[in-house]
Amino acid sequence: MSLTSVQVEYIAELARLELTAEEKVRFAAQLSQILDHAARLQEVDTSAIPPTATVLPLRSVMREDVVRSSLSQEDVLTNAPAVEDGCFRVPVILDQSG
């Protein structure tokens, strides 16, 4: 597939690029080669390959859910700037009074 200079100018306009005449010729050839390669890839029969096939081994990225000891409430609130009734006290963001 050979791109015309008009098509290259349109693509450059979409990408907000200003191209010289030399660049238009060079990019027309390069983009045409890319499109030809993509067309060749479309010819490959992939009907026997399931859509979820992968060449990478399957592995879980999730860690085991194991109960571990954590900080006490007192330790967590030690450095809090404000505490009220065993909770962090934060400034009011949305006033729900009216």
C-alpha atoms as a PDB file:
ATOM      1  CA  MET A   1       0.000   0.000   0.000  1.00  0.00           C
ATOM      2  CA  SER A   2       1.537   3.250  -1.074  1.00  0.00           C
ATOM      3  CA  LEU A   3       0.522   6.404   0.758  1.00  0.00           C
ATOM      4  CA  THR A   4       0.108   9.620  -1.166  1.00  0.00           C
ATOM      5  CA  SER A   5       1.579  12.910  -0.039  1.00  0.00           C
ATOM      6  CA  VAL A   6      -1.978  14.118   0.674  1.00  0.00           C
ATOM      7  CA  GLN A   7      -2.485  11.211   3.083  1.00  0.00           C
ATOM      8  CA  VAL A   8       0.855  11.922   4.778  1.00  0.00           C
ATOM      9  CA  GLU A   9      -0.078  15.597   5.115  1.00  0.00           C
ATOM     10  CA  TYR A  10      -3.392  14.577   6.694  1.00  0.00           C
ATOM     11  CA  ILE A  11      -1.656  12.263   9.176  1.00  0.00           C
ATOM     12  CA  ALA A  12       0.852  15.014  10.001  1.00  0.00           C
ATOM     13  CA  GLU A  13      -2.005  17.445  10.562  1.00  0.00           C
ATOM     14  CA  LEU A  14      -3.691  15.009  12.957  1.00  0.00           C
ATOM     15  CA  ALA A  15      -0.401  14.663  14.842  1.00  0.00           C
ATOM     16  CA  ARG A  16       0.100  18.443  14.765  1.00  0.00           C
ATOM     17  CA  LEU A  17       3.397  18.061  12.893  1.00  0.00           C
ATOM     18  CA  GLU A  18       4.856  20.446  10.364  1.00  0.00           C
ATOM     19  CA  LEU A  19       6.755  18.452   7.747  1.00  0.00           C
ATOM     20  CA  THR A  20       9.139  19.585   5.050  1.00  0.00           C
ATOM     21  CA  ALA A  21       8.725  18.262   1.507  1.00  0.00           C
ATOM     22  CA  GLU A  22      11.639  15.866   2.090  1.00  0.00           C
ATOM     23  CA  GLU A  23      10.067  14.550   5.299  1.00  0.00           C
ATOM     24  CA  LYS A  24       6.752  13.980   3.517  1.00  0.00           C
ATOM     25  CA  VAL A  25       8.474  11.824   0.911  1.00  0.00           C
ATOM     26  CA  ARG A  26      10.496   9.910   3.527  1.00  0.00           C
ATOM     27  CA  PHE A  27       7.501   9.363   5.829  1.00  0.00           C
ATOM     28  CA  ALA A  28       5.299   8.292   2.917  1.00  0.00           C
ATOM     29  CA  ALA A  29       7.774   5.513   2.151  1.00  0.00           C
ATOM     30  CA  GLN A  30       8.222   4.507   5.792  1.00  0.00           C
ATOM     31  CA  LEU A  31       4.509   4.525   6.614  1.00  0.00           C
ATOM     32  CA  SER A  32       3.773   2.561   3.449  1.00  0.00           C
ATOM     33  CA  GLN A  33       6.264  -0.111   4.533  1.00  0.00           C
ATOM     34  CA  ILE A  34       4.637  -0.291   7.979  1.00  0.00           C
ATOM     35  CA  LEU A  35       1.177  -0.685   6.455  1.00  0.00           C
ATOM     36  CA  ASP A  36       2.475  -3.366   4.062  1.00  0.00           C
ATOM     37  CA  HIS A  37       3.921  -5.283   7.010  1.00  0.00           C
ATOM     38  CA  ALA A  38       0.638  -4.986   8.930  1.00  0.00           C
ATOM     39  CA  ALA A  39      -1.221  -6.285   5.861  1.00  0.00           C
ATOM     40  CA  ARG A  40       1.112  -9.295   5.710  1.00  0.00           C
ATOM     41  CA  LEU A  41       0.422 -10.020   9.384  1.00  0.00           C
ATOM     42  CA  GLN A  42      -3.324  -9.965   8.660  1.00  0.00           C
ATOM     43  CA  GLU A  43      -2.791 -12.859   6.219  1.00  0.00           C
ATOM     44  CA  VAL A  44      -1.554 -15.200   8.984  1.00  0.00           C
ATOM     45  CA  ASP A  45      -4.153 -17.836   9.885  1.00  0.00           C
ATOM     46  CA  THR A  46      -4.811 -17.479  13.618  1.00  0.00           C
ATOM     47  CA  SER A  47      -8.118 -19.341  13.678  1.00  0.00           C
ATOM     48  CA  ALA A  48      -6.618 -22.250  15.662  1.00  0.00           C
ATOM     49  CA  ILE A  49      -5.186 -19.971  18.345  1.00  0.00           C
ATOM     50  CA  PRO A  50      -7.527 -19.149  21.230  1.00  0.00           C
ATOM     51  CA  PRO A  51      -7.888 -15.411  21.874  1.00  0.00           C
ATOM     52  CA  THR A  52      -6.490 -15.749  25.381  1.00  0.00           C
ATOM     53  CA  ALA A  53      -3.331 -17.607  24.356  1.00  0.00           C
ATOM     54  CA  THR A  54      -0.063 -16.304  25.756  1.00  0.00           C
ATOM     55  CA  VAL A  55       3.567 -17.281  25.444  1.00  0.00           C
ATOM     56  CA  LEU A  56       4.247 -16.317  29.037  1.00  0.00           C
ATOM     57  CA  PRO A  57       3.801 -18.774  31.896  1.00  0.00           C
ATOM     58  CA  LEU A  58       0.687 -18.220  33.968  1.00  0.00           C
ATOM     59  CA  ARG A  59       1.358 -17.118  37.524  1.00  0.00           C
ATOM     60  CA  SER A  60      -0.571 -15.421  40.254  1.00  0.00           C
ATOM     61  CA  VAL A  61       0.629 -11.993  41.282  1.00  0.00           C
ATOM     62  CA  MET A  62      -1.453 -12.123  44.431  1.00  0.00           C
ATOM     63  CA  ARG A  63       0.210 -13.043  47.692  1.00  0.00           C
ATOM     64  CA  GLU A  64      -1.284 -15.527  50.085  1.00  0.00           C
ATOM     65  CA  ASP A  65      -3.808 -13.999  52.457  1.00  0.00           C
ATOM     66  CA  VAL A  66      -2.118 -14.714  55.759  1.00  0.00           C
ATOM     67  CA  VAL A  67      -3.164 -13.226  59.085  1.00  0.00           C
ATOM     68  CA  ARG A  68      -0.244 -11.381  60.657  1.00  0.00           C
ATOM     69  CA  SER A  69       0.087  -9.229  63.710  1.00  0.00           C
ATOM     70  CA  SER A  70      -0.434  -5.536  63.154  1.00  0.00           C
ATOM     71  CA  LEU A  71      -0.014  -2.331  65.104  1.00  0.00           C
ATOM     72  CA  SER A  72      -2.230  -1.637  68.054  1.00  0.00           C
ATOM     73  CA  GLN A  73      -4.738   1.210  67.835  1.00  0.00           C
ATOM     74  CA  GLU A  74      -2.641   3.167  70.304  1.00  0.00           C
ATOM     75  CA  ASP A  75       0.513   2.773  68.172  1.00  0.00           C
ATOM     76  CA  VAL A  76      -1.330   3.794  65.008  1.00  0.00           C
ATOM     77  CA  LEU A  77      -2.724   6.957  66.582  1.00  0.00           C
ATOM     78  CA  THR A  78       0.544   7.958  68.314  1.00  0.00           C
ATOM     79  CA  ASN A  79       1.660  10.426  65.632  1.00  0.00           C
ATOM     80  CA  ALA A  80      -1.802  11.558  64.526  1.00  0.00           C
ATOM     81  CA  PRO A  81      -2.225  15.339  64.677  1.00  0.00           C
ATOM     82  CA  ALA A  82      -5.714  14.954  66.172  1.00  0.00           C
ATOM     83  CA  VAL A  83      -7.543  12.005  67.738  1.00  0.00           C
ATOM     84  CA  GLU A  84     -11.134  11.687  68.889  1.00  0.00           C
ATOM     85  CA  ASP A  85     -12.776   8.593  70.395  1.00  0.00           C
ATOM     86  CA  GLY A  86      -9.952   6.324  69.224  1.00  0.00           C
ATOM     87  CA  CYS A  87     -10.113   7.569  65.605  1.00  0.00           C
ATOM     88  CA  PHE A  88      -8.233  10.050  63.448  1.00  0.00           C
ATOM     89  CA  ARG A  89      -9.862  13.454  63.629  1.00  0.00           C
ATOM     90  CA  VAL A  90      -9.877  15.238  60.288  1.00  0.00           C
ATOM     91  CA  PRO A  91     -11.223  18.607  59.220  1.00  0.00           C
ATOM     92  CA  VAL A  92     -14.789  18.737  57.945  1.00  0.00           C
ATOM     93  CA  ILE A  93     -14.823  18.795  54.159  1.00  0.00           C
ATOM     94  CA  LEU A  94     -18.524  18.625  53.360  1.00  0.00           C
ATOM     95  CA  ASP A  95     -20.872  20.345  55.729  1.00  0.00           C
ATOM     96  CA  GLN A  96     -24.045  18.254  55.861  1.00  0.00           C
ATOM     97  CA  SER A  97     -25.948  20.693  58.077  1.00  0.00           C
ATOM     98  CA  GLY A  98     -27.805  22.406  55.311  1.00  0.00           C
END
